[in-house]
Amino acid sequence: MTVHVEVPSVKQPEKYRRLAREAIRRAEEAPSLYFRLGYLSLASGWRALAEEAEKNFWDCTHAEVHWDDPWQERRAS
């Protein structure tokens, strides 16, 4: 029997955090308040995505497994 489990990528949150850091760096160098706020908004969004990806990874890797519940094999008809 083969068990296929889809686990979210561990690399995804780090990518989002890298993008958030880049947006913060650009905000620090922004020529005006308008652009600074825009970059900070982007950084906030990237950070939220990183946290959501980490939560999804945690939930997926720590899900409760019921070994006593037999899995029903499904065949294509």
N, C-alpha and C. Protein backbone atom coordinates (compact mmCIF):
# COMPACT_ATOMS: atom_id res chain seq x y z
N MET A 1 0.85 -1.17 0.00
CA MET A 1 0.00 0.00 0.00
C MET A 1 0.90 1.24 0.00
N THR A 2 0.57 2.19 -0.81
CA THR A 2 1.30 3.45 -0.89
C THR A 2 0.44 4.56 -0.31
N VAL A 3 1.04 5.34 0.53
CA VAL A 3 0.34 6.48 1.12
C VAL A 3 0.96 7.74 0.56
N HIS A 4 0.12 8.59 -0.02
CA HIS A 4 0.59 9.85 -0.58
C HIS A 4 0.09 10.98 0.31
N VAL A 5 1.02 11.77 0.79
CA VAL A 5 0.68 12.89 1.66
C VAL A 5 1.26 14.15 1.04
N GLU A 6 0.44 15.16 0.88
CA GLU A 6 0.93 16.44 0.38
C GLU A 6 1.31 17.32 1.56
N VAL A 7 2.58 17.66 1.63
CA VAL A 7 3.09 18.51 2.69
C VAL A 7 3.49 19.84 2.08
N PRO A 8 3.03 20.94 2.65
CA PRO A 8 3.42 22.24 2.12
C PRO A 8 4.94 22.42 2.17
N SER A 9 5.45 23.20 1.27
CA SER A 9 6.88 23.44 1.18
C SER A 9 7.39 24.21 2.39
N VAL A 10 8.55 23.81 2.88
CA VAL A 10 9.18 24.52 3.98
C VAL A 10 9.85 25.79 3.45
N LYS A 11 10.22 25.80 2.18
CA LYS A 11 10.92 26.93 1.60
C LYS A 11 10.01 28.14 1.38
N GLN A 12 8.73 27.91 1.25
CA GLN A 12 7.80 29.00 0.94
C GLN A 12 7.81 30.11 2.00
N PRO A 13 7.71 29.80 3.30
CA PRO A 13 7.72 30.88 4.30
C PRO A 13 9.01 31.70 4.25
N GLU A 14 10.14 31.05 4.02
CA GLU A 14 11.41 31.79 3.95
C GLU A 14 11.42 32.73 2.74
N LYS A 15 10.85 32.29 1.64
CA LYS A 15 10.75 33.15 0.46
C LYS A 15 9.92 34.39 0.78
N TYR A 16 8.78 34.20 1.45
CA TYR A 16 7.92 35.32 1.82
C TYR A 16 8.63 36.26 2.78
N ARG A 17 9.38 35.71 3.73
CA ARG A 17 10.10 36.55 4.69
C ARG A 17 11.21 37.34 3.98
N ARG A 18 11.86 36.72 3.00
CA ARG A 18 12.89 37.41 2.23
C ARG A 18 12.28 38.60 1.48
N LEU A 19 11.10 38.37 0.88
CA LEU A 19 10.42 39.44 0.16
C LEU A 19 9.98 40.56 1.12
N ALA A 20 9.57 40.20 2.33
CA ALA A 20 9.20 41.21 3.33
C ALA A 20 10.41 42.05 3.73
N ARG A 21 11.56 41.38 3.93
CA ARG A 21 12.78 42.12 4.27
C ARG A 21 13.18 43.07 3.14
N GLU A 22 13.05 42.61 1.91
CA GLU A 22 13.37 43.46 0.76
C GLU A 22 12.44 44.67 0.70
N ALA A 23 11.15 44.46 0.96
CA ALA A 23 10.21 45.58 0.95
C ALA A 23 10.54 46.58 2.06
N ILE A 24 10.95 46.10 3.22
CA ILE A 24 11.34 47.00 4.31
C ILE A 24 12.59 47.79 3.93
N ARG A 25 13.55 47.12 3.31
CA ARG A 25 14.76 47.80 2.86
C ARG A 25 14.42 48.92 1.87
N ARG A 26 13.51 48.60 0.95
CA ARG A 26 13.10 49.61 -0.03
C ARG A 26 12.32 50.75 0.64
N ALA A 27 11.55 50.43 1.67
CA ALA A 27 10.81 51.47 2.39
C ALA A 27 11.78 52.45 3.06
N GLU A 28 12.86 51.91 3.60
CA GLU A 28 13.85 52.77 4.25
C GLU A 28 14.51 53.72 3.25
N GLU A 29 14.58 53.30 1.98
CA GLU A 29 15.22 54.13 0.95
C GLU A 29 14.21 54.89 0.09
N ALA A 30 12.94 54.79 0.41
CA ALA A 30 11.89 55.39 -0.42
C ALA A 30 12.03 56.92 -0.44
N PRO A 31 11.77 57.52 -1.61
CA PRO A 31 11.92 58.97 -1.73
C PRO A 31 10.79 59.78 -1.09
N SER A 32 9.67 59.13 -0.80
CA SER A 32 8.55 59.88 -0.22
C SER A 32 7.76 58.99 0.73
N LEU A 33 6.94 59.64 1.53
CA LEU A 33 6.08 58.92 2.48
C LEU A 33 5.12 57.99 1.75
N TYR A 34 4.64 58.42 0.60
CA TYR A 34 3.70 57.61 -0.19
C TYR A 34 4.32 56.25 -0.53
N PHE A 35 5.55 56.28 -1.06
CA PHE A 35 6.22 55.03 -1.43
C PHE A 35 6.62 54.23 -0.19
N ARG A 36 7.03 54.93 0.86
CA ARG A 36 7.41 54.24 2.10
C ARG A 36 6.22 53.44 2.64
N LEU A 37 5.06 54.06 2.68
CA LEU A 37 3.87 53.35 3.17
C LEU A 37 3.49 52.19 2.26
N GLY A 38 3.66 52.37 0.97
CA GLY A 38 3.37 51.28 0.03
C GLY A 38 4.26 50.09 0.26
N TYR A 39 5.57 50.33 0.44
CA TYR A 39 6.51 49.23 0.69
C TYR A 39 6.23 48.57 2.04
N LEU A 40 5.89 49.35 3.04
CA LEU A 40 5.58 48.76 4.35
C LEU A 40 4.31 47.92 4.28
N SER A 41 3.37 48.34 3.47
CA SER A 41 2.15 47.55 3.27
C SER A 41 2.48 46.21 2.60
N LEU A 42 3.36 46.27 1.60
CA LEU A 42 3.81 45.03 0.94
C LEU A 42 4.52 44.11 1.94
N ALA A 43 5.39 44.70 2.76
CA ALA A 43 6.11 43.90 3.75
C ALA A 43 5.15 43.21 4.72
N SER A 44 4.13 43.94 5.12
CA SER A 44 3.12 43.37 6.02
C SER A 44 2.39 42.20 5.36
N GLY A 45 2.06 42.35 4.09
CA GLY A 45 1.39 41.27 3.37
C GLY A 45 2.27 40.04 3.22
N TRP A 46 3.56 40.25 2.88
CA TRP A 46 4.48 39.12 2.75
C TRP A 46 4.66 38.40 4.08
N ARG A 47 4.73 39.18 5.15
CA ARG A 47 4.88 38.57 6.48
C ARG A 47 3.65 37.74 6.84
N ALA A 48 2.47 38.25 6.53
CA ALA A 48 1.24 37.51 6.81
C ALA A 48 1.21 36.20 6.01
N LEU A 49 1.66 36.26 4.76
CA LEU A 49 1.72 35.03 3.95
C LEU A 49 2.70 34.03 4.56
N ALA A 50 3.84 34.51 5.05
CA ALA A 50 4.82 33.62 5.68
C ALA A 50 4.22 32.94 6.90
N GLU A 51 3.52 33.71 7.72
CA GLU A 51 2.92 33.13 8.92
C GLU A 51 1.83 32.12 8.56
N GLU A 52 1.05 32.41 7.53
CA GLU A 52 0.01 31.47 7.11
C GLU A 52 0.62 30.19 6.55
N ALA A 53 1.71 30.33 5.78
CA ALA A 53 2.38 29.15 5.24
C ALA A 53 2.97 28.30 6.36
N GLU A 54 3.55 28.95 7.36
CA GLU A 54 4.09 28.21 8.50
C GLU A 54 2.99 27.49 9.27
N LYS A 55 1.85 28.15 9.43
CA LYS A 55 0.71 27.53 10.12
C LYS A 55 0.22 26.32 9.34
N ASN A 56 0.10 26.46 8.03
CA ASN A 56 -0.34 25.34 7.20
C ASN A 56 0.64 24.17 7.28
N PHE A 57 1.93 24.46 7.29
CA PHE A 57 2.94 23.41 7.41
C PHE A 57 2.80 22.71 8.75
N TRP A 58 2.66 23.50 9.82
CA TRP A 58 2.51 22.92 11.16
C TRP A 58 1.26 22.03 11.23
N ASP A 59 0.14 22.54 10.73
CA ASP A 59 -1.11 21.78 10.77
C ASP A 59 -0.99 20.48 9.98
N CYS A 60 -0.31 20.55 8.85
CA CYS A 60 -0.17 19.37 8.00
C CYS A 60 0.75 18.33 8.63
N THR A 61 1.83 18.79 9.24
CA THR A 61 2.80 17.84 9.79
C THR A 61 2.42 17.35 11.19
N HIS A 62 1.48 18.00 11.82
CA HIS A 62 1.06 17.59 13.15
C HIS A 62 -0.41 17.15 13.19
N ALA A 63 -0.93 16.79 12.04
CA ALA A 63 -2.31 16.33 11.98
C ALA A 63 -2.44 14.98 12.68
N GLU A 64 -3.58 14.78 13.26
CA GLU A 64 -3.84 13.51 13.94
C GLU A 64 -4.11 12.43 12.91
N VAL A 65 -3.43 11.30 13.08
CA VAL A 65 -3.60 10.18 12.16
C VAL A 65 -4.35 9.07 12.88
N HIS A 66 -5.39 8.56 12.23
CA HIS A 66 -6.19 7.47 12.80
C HIS A 66 -5.81 6.18 12.10
N TRP A 67 -4.87 5.44 12.68
CA TRP A 67 -4.40 4.22 12.05
C TRP A 67 -5.44 3.10 12.15
N ASP A 68 -6.35 3.18 13.10
CA ASP A 68 -7.34 2.12 13.25
C ASP A 68 -8.52 2.30 12.29
N ASP A 69 -8.57 3.41 11.58
CA ASP A 69 -9.64 3.67 10.61
C ASP A 69 -9.13 3.25 9.23
N PRO A 70 -9.57 2.10 8.73
CA PRO A 70 -9.04 1.61 7.45
C PRO A 70 -9.39 2.54 6.30
N TRP A 71 -8.38 2.81 5.50
CA TRP A 71 -8.55 3.66 4.32
C TRP A 71 -9.16 2.83 3.20
N GLN A 72 -10.19 3.35 2.59
CA GLN A 72 -10.85 2.63 1.50
C GLN A 72 -10.17 2.99 0.19
N GLU A 73 -9.69 1.97 -0.48
CA GLU A 73 -9.04 2.19 -1.77
C GLU A 73 -10.08 2.59 -2.79
N ARG A 74 -9.77 3.58 -3.59
CA ARG A 74 -10.70 4.04 -4.62
C ARG A 74 -10.07 3.79 -5.98
N ARG A 75 -10.82 3.21 -6.84
CA ARG A 75 -10.34 2.92 -8.19
C ARG A 75 -11.09 3.78 -9.18
N ALA A 76 -10.37 4.20 -10.22
CA ALA A 76 -11.02 4.96 -11.29
C ALA A 76 -11.96 4.05 -12.04
N SER A 77 -13.14 4.58 -12.37
CA SER A 77 -14.10 3.75 -13.10
C SER A 77 -14.07 4.00 -14.57
